[in-house]
Amino acid sequence: MKELASYLNDHLAGSVAALDLLDHLIKKYEGKPLGNFFANLRNDVDADQEVLRSLLPRFKVKESSLRKAGAWLAEKFGRAKIKVSGEDIGELGLLHALEVLVLGISGKQLLWRALSATFASSPLLKGVDLTRLEERAIEQIERVEEKRLEAAREALLK
């Protein structure tokens, strides 16, 4: 169970970093369509994080403050790279930020799939629709990917 605790906490830490990045992007693009996009995505990521948090006690896993602190710190370094690359529409930083989000959400999709493959018949997951959670992650990836490709065209064709 040590491995499971580590795995779940790694994903929880990733969601903490994603929410921090999304908070930053919401502020950066406030009043613009991208601001609304990031706010809606943040709501989805937050809801998924709550599902993940609800699973920890079922598996007798405690949240790792160290992992969350590490994720917070990594997000701050990542954000610095994004700022240096330029965060305005048409700049590379926005493309980097969207790529980080696609990677993180892809990891979340794989988390739900791994839990489903490993614990599908476990009573510990009763009431948790892992298939729907994975589908939701795929929907999120598709939404972010659309914005990522727009950002790529705007940044790379300058």
Foldseek 3Di string as FASTA:
>chain_A
DVVVLVLLLLLLLLLLLLLVLLVVQLVVQPPHPSNVVSVVLSVLSVVLSVVSVVLQVLVPHDHDPVSNVVSNVVSVVLLVVLVVQPCDQLTCSVLSSLVSVLVSLVSVLVVLVVCCVVCVPPPSCPPPDSVVSNVVSVVSNVSSVVVSVSSCCSHVVD
